[in-house]
Amino acid sequence: MIHEEDFPAIRAALDHYSPDPEVLGLVLQVLHFKRDYWSINPWMYRNATRIIRNHCGTRSTTDGCDFRAVEHEQMIKSGEKGRLVKARVFHCGWVKNPQILQRKLAYQHSSHDGEVLRLKEIERRTTLLAQFPNCDILKSFRGTHPQVMETRVRGMESLRTGRIRWLNRRFYRENLRHGFKG
């Protein structure tokens, strides 16, 4: 979802870049909510091309997380064909009951990796992911959600433990593995 506060920035970028045929896509910041609507995973991809120019040689990547220009193998978000817009995408696909999330992840893994991974390995990976092993070191979200989500967000309690993530050893391990992202 896109927050209504970000519509003016998106509209301005569309107006500014639409005359330039070299620009194939607009790149927005992605906030990945995990487990509840107050926990963000800062280590997942942070930017994604979410608005593309039609009929100009772009194609979706295998997992649908971005787009590529056909003549280049580089993703639009990381090349000269994309332009960063100060707007956010609220990705809430990980805010689910763990059993439902596991079924979703099993389907995704079997679709993308089904020929390479055995069913038992897919089940092992998805079980671990659906249990949110790093939920206590996720970043707190303190902003507002899009209005369309208001009822859903109000109806769900925060599942955060209240522990300070800076005092958790695993927080530093994640930062060493992926870098500090907030």
N, C-alpha and C. Protein backbone atom coordinates (compact mmCIF):
# COMPACT_ATOMS: atom_id res chain seq x y z
N MET A 1 0.83 -1.17 0.00
CA MET A 1 0.00 0.00 0.00
C MET A 1 0.88 1.24 0.00
N ILE A 2 0.31 2.30 -0.49
CA ILE A 2 1.00 3.58 -0.49
C ILE A 2 0.24 4.53 0.42
N HIS A 3 0.97 5.25 1.25
CA HIS A 3 0.35 6.19 2.18
C HIS A 3 -0.14 7.41 1.41
N GLU A 4 -1.34 7.87 1.76
CA GLU A 4 -1.92 9.03 1.07
C GLU A 4 -1.06 10.29 1.24
N GLU A 5 -0.26 10.36 2.29
CA GLU A 5 0.64 11.50 2.47
C GLU A 5 1.70 11.57 1.36
N ASP A 6 1.97 10.44 0.73
CA ASP A 6 3.01 10.38 -0.29
C ASP A 6 2.49 10.61 -1.71
N PHE A 7 1.19 10.73 -1.89
CA PHE A 7 0.62 10.96 -3.22
C PHE A 7 1.19 12.20 -3.91
N PRO A 8 1.31 13.36 -3.21
CA PRO A 8 1.85 14.54 -3.89
C PRO A 8 3.28 14.33 -4.43
N ALA A 9 4.13 13.64 -3.68
CA ALA A 9 5.50 13.39 -4.14
C ALA A 9 5.50 12.48 -5.37
N ILE A 10 4.62 11.49 -5.37
CA ILE A 10 4.53 10.58 -6.52
C ILE A 10 4.01 11.33 -7.74
N ARG A 11 2.97 12.12 -7.56
CA ARG A 11 2.39 12.91 -8.67
C ARG A 11 3.44 13.86 -9.25
N ALA A 12 4.21 14.52 -8.39
CA ALA A 12 5.25 15.45 -8.85
C ALA A 12 6.33 14.70 -9.64
N ALA A 13 6.72 13.51 -9.17
CA ALA A 13 7.73 12.72 -9.88
C ALA A 13 7.21 12.25 -11.23
N LEU A 14 5.95 11.84 -11.28
CA LEU A 14 5.35 11.43 -12.56
C LEU A 14 5.36 12.59 -13.55
N ASP A 15 4.96 13.75 -13.10
CA ASP A 15 4.94 14.93 -13.97
C ASP A 15 6.35 15.31 -14.43
N HIS A 16 7.30 15.21 -13.52
CA HIS A 16 8.68 15.61 -13.82
C HIS A 16 9.38 14.65 -14.78
N TYR A 17 9.20 13.32 -14.56
CA TYR A 17 9.97 12.34 -15.33
C TYR A 17 9.24 11.77 -16.55
N SER A 18 7.95 11.98 -16.68
CA SER A 18 7.22 11.39 -17.82
C SER A 18 7.73 11.87 -19.18
N PRO A 19 8.21 13.12 -19.33
CA PRO A 19 8.73 13.50 -20.65
C PRO A 19 10.09 12.87 -20.99
N ASP A 20 10.78 12.31 -20.01
CA ASP A 20 12.13 11.76 -20.21
C ASP A 20 12.05 10.26 -20.53
N PRO A 21 12.24 9.86 -21.79
CA PRO A 21 12.12 8.43 -22.16
C PRO A 21 13.22 7.55 -21.57
N GLU A 22 14.29 8.17 -21.05
CA GLU A 22 15.36 7.39 -20.43
C GLU A 22 14.96 6.84 -19.07
N VAL A 23 13.98 7.45 -18.43
CA VAL A 23 13.53 7.00 -17.11
C VAL A 23 12.45 5.93 -17.33
N LEU A 24 12.75 4.70 -16.89
CA LEU A 24 11.82 3.59 -17.07
C LEU A 24 11.00 3.29 -15.83
N GLY A 25 11.44 3.77 -14.67
CA GLY A 25 10.69 3.45 -13.46
C GLY A 25 10.97 4.40 -12.32
N LEU A 26 9.99 4.47 -11.42
CA LEU A 26 10.14 5.25 -10.19
C LEU A 26 10.32 4.28 -9.03
N VAL A 27 11.29 4.58 -8.21
CA VAL A 27 11.70 3.71 -7.11
C VAL A 27 11.18 4.31 -5.81
N LEU A 28 10.50 3.48 -5.01
CA LEU A 28 9.95 3.94 -3.74
C LEU A 28 10.59 3.18 -2.59
N GLN A 29 10.58 3.78 -1.41
CA GLN A 29 11.10 3.13 -0.20
C GLN A 29 10.08 2.09 0.25
N VAL A 30 10.56 0.91 0.68
CA VAL A 30 9.67 -0.16 1.13
C VAL A 30 9.84 -0.38 2.63
N LEU A 31 8.74 -0.34 3.35
CA LEU A 31 8.72 -0.66 4.78
C LEU A 31 8.13 -2.06 4.92
N HIS A 32 8.92 -3.00 5.39
CA HIS A 32 8.48 -4.40 5.53
C HIS A 32 8.02 -4.64 6.96
N PHE A 33 6.72 -4.73 7.14
CA PHE A 33 6.17 -5.02 8.47
C PHE A 33 6.20 -6.51 8.67
N LYS A 34 6.63 -6.92 9.87
CA LYS A 34 6.69 -8.34 10.20
C LYS A 34 5.99 -8.58 11.51
N ARG A 35 5.16 -9.60 11.51
CA ARG A 35 4.47 -10.08 12.70
C ARG A 35 3.33 -9.18 13.14
N ASP A 36 3.56 -7.86 13.21
CA ASP A 36 2.48 -6.93 13.55
C ASP A 36 2.72 -5.61 12.81
N TYR A 37 1.84 -4.65 12.99
CA TYR A 37 1.93 -3.39 12.25
C TYR A 37 2.84 -2.36 12.91
N TRP A 38 3.61 -2.78 13.91
CA TRP A 38 4.51 -1.87 14.62
C TRP A 38 5.95 -2.34 14.58
N SER A 39 6.23 -3.39 13.82
CA SER A 39 7.58 -3.95 13.73
C SER A 39 8.03 -3.98 12.28
N ILE A 40 9.17 -3.35 11.99
CA ILE A 40 9.71 -3.28 10.64
C ILE A 40 11.01 -4.06 10.59
N ASN A 41 11.19 -4.82 9.51
CA ASN A 41 12.45 -5.50 9.30
C ASN A 41 13.34 -4.58 8.45
N PRO A 42 14.36 -3.97 9.06
CA PRO A 42 15.20 -3.04 8.30
C PRO A 42 16.21 -3.71 7.39
N TRP A 43 16.35 -5.05 7.47
CA TRP A 43 17.36 -5.74 6.67
C TRP A 43 16.82 -6.27 5.35
N MET A 44 15.51 -6.22 5.13
CA MET A 44 14.99 -6.63 3.84
C MET A 44 15.23 -5.50 2.84
N TYR A 45 15.00 -5.78 1.56
CA TYR A 45 15.29 -4.74 0.56
C TYR A 45 14.55 -3.45 0.90
N ARG A 46 15.24 -2.35 0.74
CA ARG A 46 14.73 -1.05 1.20
C ARG A 46 14.06 -0.24 0.10
N ASN A 47 14.41 -0.48 -1.15
CA ASN A 47 13.84 0.26 -2.27
C ASN A 47 13.37 -0.71 -3.33
N ALA A 48 12.31 -0.34 -4.04
CA ALA A 48 11.80 -1.18 -5.12
C ALA A 48 11.15 -0.30 -6.18
N THR A 49 11.29 -0.71 -7.43
CA THR A 49 10.63 -0.02 -8.53
C THR A 49 9.16 -0.40 -8.47
N ARG A 50 8.30 0.56 -8.27
CA ARG A 50 6.87 0.26 -8.15
C ARG A 50 6.02 0.97 -9.19
N ILE A 51 6.61 1.86 -9.96
CA ILE A 51 5.88 2.51 -11.06
C ILE A 51 6.79 2.41 -12.28
N ILE A 52 6.29 1.79 -13.35
CA ILE A 52 7.11 1.62 -14.55
C ILE A 52 6.44 2.24 -15.77
N ARG A 53 7.26 2.56 -16.75
CA ARG A 53 6.77 3.06 -18.03
C ARG A 53 6.32 1.84 -18.84
N ASN A 54 5.11 1.89 -19.35
CA ASN A 54 4.57 0.76 -20.13
C ASN A 54 5.18 0.68 -21.52
N HIS A 55 5.23 -0.54 -22.04
CA HIS A 55 5.60 -0.81 -23.43
C HIS A 55 6.96 -0.24 -23.82
N CYS A 56 7.94 -0.38 -22.94
CA CYS A 56 9.26 0.16 -23.27
C CYS A 56 10.37 -0.81 -22.92
N GLY A 57 10.06 -2.08 -22.88
CA GLY A 57 11.10 -3.07 -22.65
C GLY A 57 11.47 -3.31 -21.21
N THR A 58 10.50 -3.36 -20.32
CA THR A 58 10.78 -3.72 -18.93
C THR A 58 10.14 -5.08 -18.65
N ARG A 59 10.75 -5.82 -17.74
CA ARG A 59 10.14 -7.09 -17.34
C ARG A 59 10.36 -7.29 -15.85
N SER A 60 9.42 -7.97 -15.24
CA SER A 60 9.47 -8.23 -13.81
C SER A 60 10.56 -9.26 -13.52
N THR A 61 11.21 -9.12 -12.37
CA THR A 61 12.17 -10.14 -11.94
C THR A 61 11.38 -11.37 -11.48
N THR A 62 12.06 -12.48 -11.26
CA THR A 62 11.38 -13.74 -10.96
C THR A 62 10.46 -13.68 -9.75
N ASP A 63 10.89 -12.96 -8.71
CA ASP A 63 10.07 -12.92 -7.50
C ASP A 63 9.15 -11.70 -7.47
N GLY A 64 9.15 -10.90 -8.50
CA GLY A 64 8.28 -9.74 -8.58
C GLY A 64 8.70 -8.58 -7.68
N CYS A 65 9.91 -8.63 -7.13
CA CYS A 65 10.35 -7.56 -6.23
C CYS A 65 10.88 -6.35 -6.98
N ASP A 66 11.17 -6.51 -8.26
CA ASP A 66 11.64 -5.37 -9.03
C ASP A 66 11.46 -5.63 -10.52
N PHE A 67 12.00 -4.71 -11.32
CA PHE A 67 11.91 -4.80 -12.78
C PHE A 67 13.29 -4.59 -13.37
N ARG A 68 13.46 -5.13 -14.57
CA ARG A 68 14.71 -4.95 -15.31
C ARG A 68 14.38 -4.36 -16.68
N ALA A 69 15.32 -3.58 -17.19
CA ALA A 69 15.21 -3.13 -18.58
C ALA A 69 15.71 -4.29 -19.44
N VAL A 70 15.01 -4.63 -20.51
CA VAL A 70 15.36 -5.79 -21.32
C VAL A 70 16.78 -5.67 -21.88
N GLU A 71 17.15 -4.47 -22.35
CA GLU A 71 18.49 -4.32 -22.95
C GLU A 71 19.61 -4.32 -21.91
N HIS A 72 19.27 -4.12 -20.63
CA HIS A 72 20.25 -4.18 -19.55
C HIS A 72 19.82 -5.32 -18.63
N GLU A 73 20.76 -5.95 -17.99
CA GLU A 73 20.38 -6.96 -17.00
C GLU A 73 20.33 -6.36 -15.60
N GLN A 74 20.57 -5.07 -15.51
CA GLN A 74 20.57 -4.41 -14.21
C GLN A 74 19.14 -4.05 -13.80
N MET A 75 18.85 -4.20 -12.51
CA MET A 75 17.53 -3.81 -12.02
C MET A 75 17.36 -2.31 -12.16
N ILE A 76 16.15 -1.89 -12.46
CA ILE A 76 15.86 -0.46 -12.65
C ILE A 76 16.20 0.33 -11.39
N LYS A 77 15.91 -0.25 -10.22
CA LYS A 77 16.13 0.50 -8.97
C LYS A 77 17.59 0.83 -8.72
N SER A 78 18.51 0.08 -9.30
CA SER A 78 19.92 0.31 -9.02
C SER A 78 20.68 0.84 -10.23
N GLY A 79 19.98 1.24 -11.26
CA GLY A 79 20.65 1.74 -12.45
C GLY A 79 20.22 3.15 -12.82
N GLU A 80 20.70 3.59 -13.98
CA GLU A 80 20.38 4.95 -14.40
C GLU A 80 18.97 5.08 -14.98
N LYS A 81 18.25 3.98 -15.11
CA LYS A 81 16.89 4.01 -15.67
C LYS A 81 15.81 4.27 -14.62
N GLY A 82 16.19 4.27 -13.34
CA GLY A 82 15.22 4.49 -12.27
C GLY A 82 15.49 5.79 -11.53
N ARG A 83 14.44 6.35 -10.95
CA ARG A 83 14.57 7.57 -10.16
C ARG A 83 13.92 7.37 -8.79
N LEU A 84 14.65 7.69 -7.75
CA LEU A 84 14.16 7.53 -6.38
C LEU A 84 13.17 8.64 -6.05
N VAL A 85 12.02 8.25 -5.50
CA VAL A 85 10.97 9.18 -5.10
C VAL A 85 10.83 9.08 -3.59
N LYS A 86 10.66 10.21 -2.94
CA LYS A 86 10.50 10.20 -1.48
C LYS A 86 9.05 9.81 -1.15
N ALA A 87 8.78 8.52 -1.28
CA ALA A 87 7.45 7.96 -1.00
C ALA A 87 7.64 6.54 -0.49
N ARG A 88 6.67 6.05 0.28
CA ARG A 88 6.80 4.75 0.94
C ARG A 88 5.76 3.75 0.44
N VAL A 89 6.20 2.50 0.38
CA VAL A 89 5.30 1.37 0.16
C VAL A 89 5.23 0.62 1.48
N PHE A 90 4.02 0.39 1.97
CA PHE A 90 3.82 -0.36 3.21
C PHE A 90 3.57 -1.81 2.83
N HIS A 91 4.56 -2.67 3.06
CA HIS A 91 4.43 -4.08 2.72
C HIS A 91 4.06 -4.86 3.98
N CYS A 92 2.83 -5.35 4.02
CA CYS A 92 2.31 -6.03 5.22
C CYS A 92 2.09 -7.52 4.99
N GLY A 93 2.73 -8.09 3.98
CA GLY A 93 2.53 -9.50 3.67
C GLY A 93 3.03 -10.47 4.73
N TRP A 94 3.85 -9.98 5.66
CA TRP A 94 4.37 -10.82 6.74
C TRP A 94 3.58 -10.64 8.03
N VAL A 95 2.51 -9.85 8.00
CA VAL A 95 1.67 -9.67 9.19
C VAL A 95 0.53 -10.67 9.06
N LYS A 96 0.79 -11.88 9.52
CA LYS A 96 -0.18 -12.97 9.41
C LYS A 96 -0.03 -13.92 10.59
N ASN A 97 -1.05 -14.70 10.79
CA ASN A 97 -0.97 -15.81 11.72
C ASN A 97 0.16 -16.73 11.24
N PRO A 98 1.03 -17.23 12.13
CA PRO A 98 2.18 -18.05 11.71
C PRO A 98 1.81 -19.26 10.84
N GLN A 99 0.69 -19.93 11.10
CA GLN A 99 0.31 -21.09 10.29
C GLN A 99 -0.07 -20.67 8.87
N ILE A 100 -0.80 -19.57 8.75
CA ILE A 100 -1.17 -19.08 7.43
C ILE A 100 0.07 -18.61 6.68
N LEU A 101 0.97 -17.93 7.38
CA LEU A 101 2.20 -17.47 6.76
C LEU A 101 3.04 -18.64 6.29
N GLN A 102 3.09 -19.71 7.06
CA GLN A 102 3.87 -20.87 6.65
C GLN A 102 3.33 -21.47 5.36
N ARG A 103 2.00 -21.57 5.23
CA ARG A 103 1.41 -22.09 3.98
C ARG A 103 1.76 -21.18 2.79
N LYS A 104 1.71 -19.87 3.01
CA LYS A 104 2.04 -18.92 1.95
C LYS A 104 3.51 -19.09 1.54
N LEU A 105 4.41 -19.16 2.53
CA LEU A 105 5.83 -19.30 2.23
C LEU A 105 6.15 -20.63 1.56
N ALA A 106 5.48 -21.69 1.98
CA ALA A 106 5.69 -23.01 1.35
C ALA A 106 5.31 -22.96 -0.13
N TYR A 107 4.21 -22.30 -0.42
CA TYR A 107 3.79 -22.15 -1.81
C TYR A 107 4.83 -21.35 -2.60
N GLN A 108 5.30 -20.24 -2.03
CA GLN A 108 6.30 -19.42 -2.72
C GLN A 108 7.60 -20.17 -2.94
N HIS A 109 8.08 -20.86 -1.91
CA HIS A 109 9.33 -21.61 -2.05
C HIS A 109 9.18 -22.72 -3.09
N SER A 110 8.05 -23.41 -3.09
CA SER A 110 7.88 -24.49 -4.07
C SER A 110 7.75 -23.93 -5.48
N SER A 111 7.20 -22.73 -5.63
CA SER A 111 7.09 -22.12 -6.96
C SER A 111 8.46 -21.68 -7.48
N HIS A 112 9.28 -21.08 -6.59
CA HIS A 112 10.57 -20.56 -7.02
C HIS A 112 11.69 -21.59 -6.96
N ASP A 113 11.67 -22.45 -5.95
CA ASP A 113 12.78 -23.37 -5.72
C ASP A 113 12.36 -24.83 -5.73
N GLY A 114 11.15 -25.12 -6.15
CA GLY A 114 10.60 -26.47 -6.07
C GLY A 114 11.39 -27.54 -6.78
N GLU A 115 12.06 -27.19 -7.87
CA GLU A 115 12.84 -28.18 -8.60
C GLU A 115 14.19 -28.45 -7.94
N VAL A 116 14.66 -27.50 -7.14
CA VAL A 116 15.97 -27.65 -6.51
C VAL A 116 15.88 -28.14 -5.07
N LEU A 117 14.83 -27.74 -4.38
CA LEU A 117 14.70 -28.11 -2.97
C LEU A 117 13.69 -29.25 -2.80
N ARG A 118 14.01 -30.14 -1.89
CA ARG A 118 13.08 -31.20 -1.55
C ARG A 118 11.97 -30.64 -0.67
N LEU A 119 10.83 -31.28 -0.65
CA LEU A 119 9.68 -30.84 0.11
C LEU A 119 10.01 -30.67 1.59
N LYS A 120 10.80 -31.59 2.14
CA LYS A 120 11.18 -31.52 3.55
C LYS A 120 12.00 -30.26 3.85
N GLU A 121 12.90 -29.88 2.94
CA GLU A 121 13.71 -28.68 3.12
C GLU A 121 12.85 -27.42 3.02
N ILE A 122 11.91 -27.40 2.10
CA ILE A 122 10.98 -26.27 1.99
C ILE A 122 10.19 -26.13 3.28
N GLU A 123 9.71 -27.24 3.83
CA GLU A 123 8.95 -27.21 5.09
C GLU A 123 9.81 -26.69 6.25
N ARG A 124 11.06 -27.14 6.31
CA ARG A 124 11.97 -26.71 7.38
C ARG A 124 12.20 -25.20 7.31
N ARG A 125 12.48 -24.69 6.12
CA ARG A 125 12.75 -23.25 5.95
C ARG A 125 11.53 -22.41 6.27
N THR A 126 10.38 -22.81 5.77
CA THR A 126 9.17 -22.00 5.97
C THR A 126 8.70 -22.04 7.41
N THR A 127 8.89 -23.16 8.10
CA THR A 127 8.51 -23.25 9.51
C THR A 127 9.33 -22.25 10.32
N LEU A 128 10.62 -22.21 10.06
CA LEU A 128 11.50 -21.29 10.77
C LEU A 128 11.11 -19.84 10.50
N LEU A 129 10.89 -19.49 9.23
CA LEU A 129 10.53 -18.11 8.88
C LEU A 129 9.20 -17.69 9.49
N ALA A 130 8.22 -18.58 9.50
CA ALA A 130 6.88 -18.25 9.98
C ALA A 130 6.86 -18.05 11.50
N GLN A 131 7.88 -18.54 12.20
CA GLN A 131 7.92 -18.36 13.65
C GLN A 131 8.59 -17.04 14.06
N PHE A 132 8.97 -16.22 13.09
CA PHE A 132 9.58 -14.91 13.33
C PHE A 132 10.72 -14.99 14.35
N PRO A 133 11.80 -15.68 13.98
CA PRO A 133 12.89 -15.85 14.95
C PRO A 133 13.57 -14.55 15.35
N ASN A 134 13.46 -13.49 14.57
CA ASN A 134 14.14 -12.25 14.92
C ASN A 134 13.17 -11.13 15.28
N CYS A 135 11.96 -11.48 15.71
CA CYS A 135 10.95 -10.45 15.97
C CYS A 135 11.36 -9.51 17.09
N ASP A 136 12.18 -9.97 18.02
CA ASP A 136 12.55 -9.10 19.14
C ASP A 136 13.65 -8.10 18.80
N ILE A 137 14.23 -8.19 17.59
CA ILE A 137 15.26 -7.23 17.21
C ILE A 137 14.82 -6.36 16.03
N LEU A 138 13.54 -6.42 15.68
CA LEU A 138 13.03 -5.59 14.60
C LEU A 138 12.92 -4.14 15.06
N LYS A 139 12.89 -3.26 14.09
CA LYS A 139 12.80 -1.82 14.37
C LYS A 139 11.34 -1.44 14.66
N SER A 140 11.12 -0.57 15.62
CA SER A 140 9.77 -0.10 15.94
C SER A 140 9.31 0.91 14.90
N PHE A 141 8.04 0.80 14.52
CA PHE A 141 7.43 1.78 13.62
C PHE A 141 6.59 2.72 14.46
N ARG A 142 6.83 4.01 14.35
CA ARG A 142 6.12 4.98 15.16
C ARG A 142 5.29 5.96 14.33
N GLY A 143 5.23 5.74 13.03
CA GLY A 143 4.49 6.64 12.16
C GLY A 143 3.02 6.26 12.05
N THR A 144 2.37 6.82 11.05
CA THR A 144 0.97 6.50 10.79
C THR A 144 0.87 5.55 9.61
N HIS A 145 -0.19 4.79 9.59
CA HIS A 145 -0.45 3.86 8.50
C HIS A 145 -1.42 4.51 7.51
N PRO A 146 -1.49 3.97 6.27
CA PRO A 146 -2.48 4.47 5.32
C PRO A 146 -3.89 4.35 5.90
N GLN A 147 -4.75 5.29 5.57
CA GLN A 147 -6.11 5.30 6.12
C GLN A 147 -6.87 4.01 5.82
N VAL A 148 -6.60 3.42 4.67
CA VAL A 148 -7.31 2.19 4.30
C VAL A 148 -7.04 1.06 5.29
N MET A 149 -5.95 1.15 6.05
CA MET A 149 -5.59 0.12 7.03
C MET A 149 -6.01 0.46 8.45
N GLU A 150 -6.63 1.61 8.65
CA GLU A 150 -6.92 2.12 10.00
C GLU A 150 -7.66 1.11 10.87
N THR A 151 -8.73 0.53 10.38
CA THR A 151 -9.53 -0.43 11.15
C THR A 151 -8.72 -1.68 11.48
N ARG A 152 -8.00 -2.19 10.50
CA ARG A 152 -7.22 -3.41 10.71
C ARG A 152 -6.10 -3.18 11.73
N VAL A 153 -5.42 -2.05 11.63
CA VAL A 153 -4.32 -1.75 12.56
C VAL A 153 -4.85 -1.58 13.98
N ARG A 154 -5.96 -0.85 14.11
CA ARG A 154 -6.55 -0.65 15.44
C ARG A 154 -7.01 -1.96 16.06
N GLY A 155 -7.42 -2.91 15.23
CA GLY A 155 -7.94 -4.18 15.74
C GLY A 155 -6.87 -5.19 16.10
N MET A 156 -5.61 -4.85 15.91
CA MET A 156 -4.53 -5.80 16.22
C MET A 156 -3.62 -5.23 17.30
N GLU A 157 -3.33 -6.05 18.27
CA GLU A 157 -2.42 -5.63 19.34
C GLU A 157 -0.97 -5.75 18.87
N SER A 158 -0.12 -4.94 19.44
CA SER A 158 1.31 -5.06 19.17
C SER A 158 1.82 -6.33 19.84
N LEU A 159 2.63 -7.07 19.13
CA LEU A 159 3.20 -8.31 19.67
C LEU A 159 4.64 -8.09 20.14
N ARG A 160 5.06 -6.87 20.19
CA ARG A 160 6.43 -6.55 20.61
C ARG A 160 6.62 -6.90 22.09
N THR A 161 7.82 -7.35 22.41
CA THR A 161 8.11 -7.81 23.76
C THR A 161 8.38 -6.67 24.73
N GLY A 162 8.75 -5.51 24.23
CA GLY A 162 9.09 -4.40 25.09
C GLY A 162 10.57 -4.36 25.44
N ARG A 163 11.29 -5.43 25.08
CA ARG A 163 12.73 -5.44 25.31
C ARG A 163 13.42 -4.47 24.36
N ILE A 164 14.46 -3.86 24.80
CA ILE A 164 15.22 -2.93 23.96
C ILE A 164 16.15 -3.75 23.07
N ARG A 165 16.00 -3.59 21.77
CA ARG A 165 16.78 -4.42 20.85
C ARG A 165 18.27 -4.16 20.93
N TRP A 166 18.66 -2.96 21.38
CA TRP A 166 20.07 -2.63 21.50
C TRP A 166 20.76 -3.48 22.58
N LEU A 167 19.98 -4.07 23.47
CA LEU A 167 20.55 -4.91 24.53
C LEU A 167 20.56 -6.39 24.15
N ASN A 168 20.18 -6.69 22.92
CA ASN A 168 20.10 -8.08 22.46
C ASN A 168 21.32 -8.39 21.59
N ARG A 169 22.03 -9.44 21.95
CA ARG A 169 23.24 -9.84 21.22
C ARG A 169 22.95 -10.16 19.75
N ARG A 170 21.77 -10.75 19.49
CA ARG A 170 21.43 -11.10 18.10
C ARG A 170 21.26 -9.87 17.22
N PHE A 171 20.89 -8.74 17.80
CA PHE A 171 20.78 -7.49 17.05
C PHE A 171 22.13 -7.12 16.44
N TYR A 172 23.19 -7.26 17.20
CA TYR A 172 24.52 -6.93 16.72
C TYR A 172 25.01 -7.95 15.69
N ARG A 173 24.62 -9.20 15.87
CA ARG A 173 24.98 -10.22 14.89
C ARG A 173 24.34 -9.91 13.54
N GLU A 174 23.07 -9.52 13.55
CA GLU A 174 22.39 -9.14 12.29
C GLU A 174 23.06 -7.93 11.65
N ASN A 175 23.47 -6.98 12.47
CA ASN A 175 24.13 -5.79 11.93
C ASN A 175 25.50 -6.14 11.33
N LEU A 176 26.21 -7.08 11.92
CA LEU A 176 27.47 -7.51 11.33
C LEU A 176 27.25 -8.25 10.03
N ARG A 177 26.18 -9.04 9.95
CA ARG A 177 25.88 -9.79 8.73
C ARG A 177 25.38 -8.91 7.60
N HIS A 178 24.50 -7.94 7.93
CA HIS A 178 23.81 -7.17 6.90
C HIS A 178 24.11 -5.69 6.92
N GLY A 179 24.81 -5.20 7.93
CA GLY A 179 25.06 -3.76 8.06
C GLY A 179 23.93 -3.12 8.85
N PHE A 180 24.22 -1.98 9.45
CA PHE A 180 23.20 -1.28 10.23
C PHE A 180 22.26 -0.56 9.27
N LYS A 181 20.98 -0.85 9.36
CA LYS A 181 19.99 -0.24 8.46
C LYS A 181 18.94 0.54 9.22
N GLY A 182 19.15 0.80 10.47
CA GLY A 182 18.17 1.59 11.23
C GLY A 182 17.60 0.85 12.39
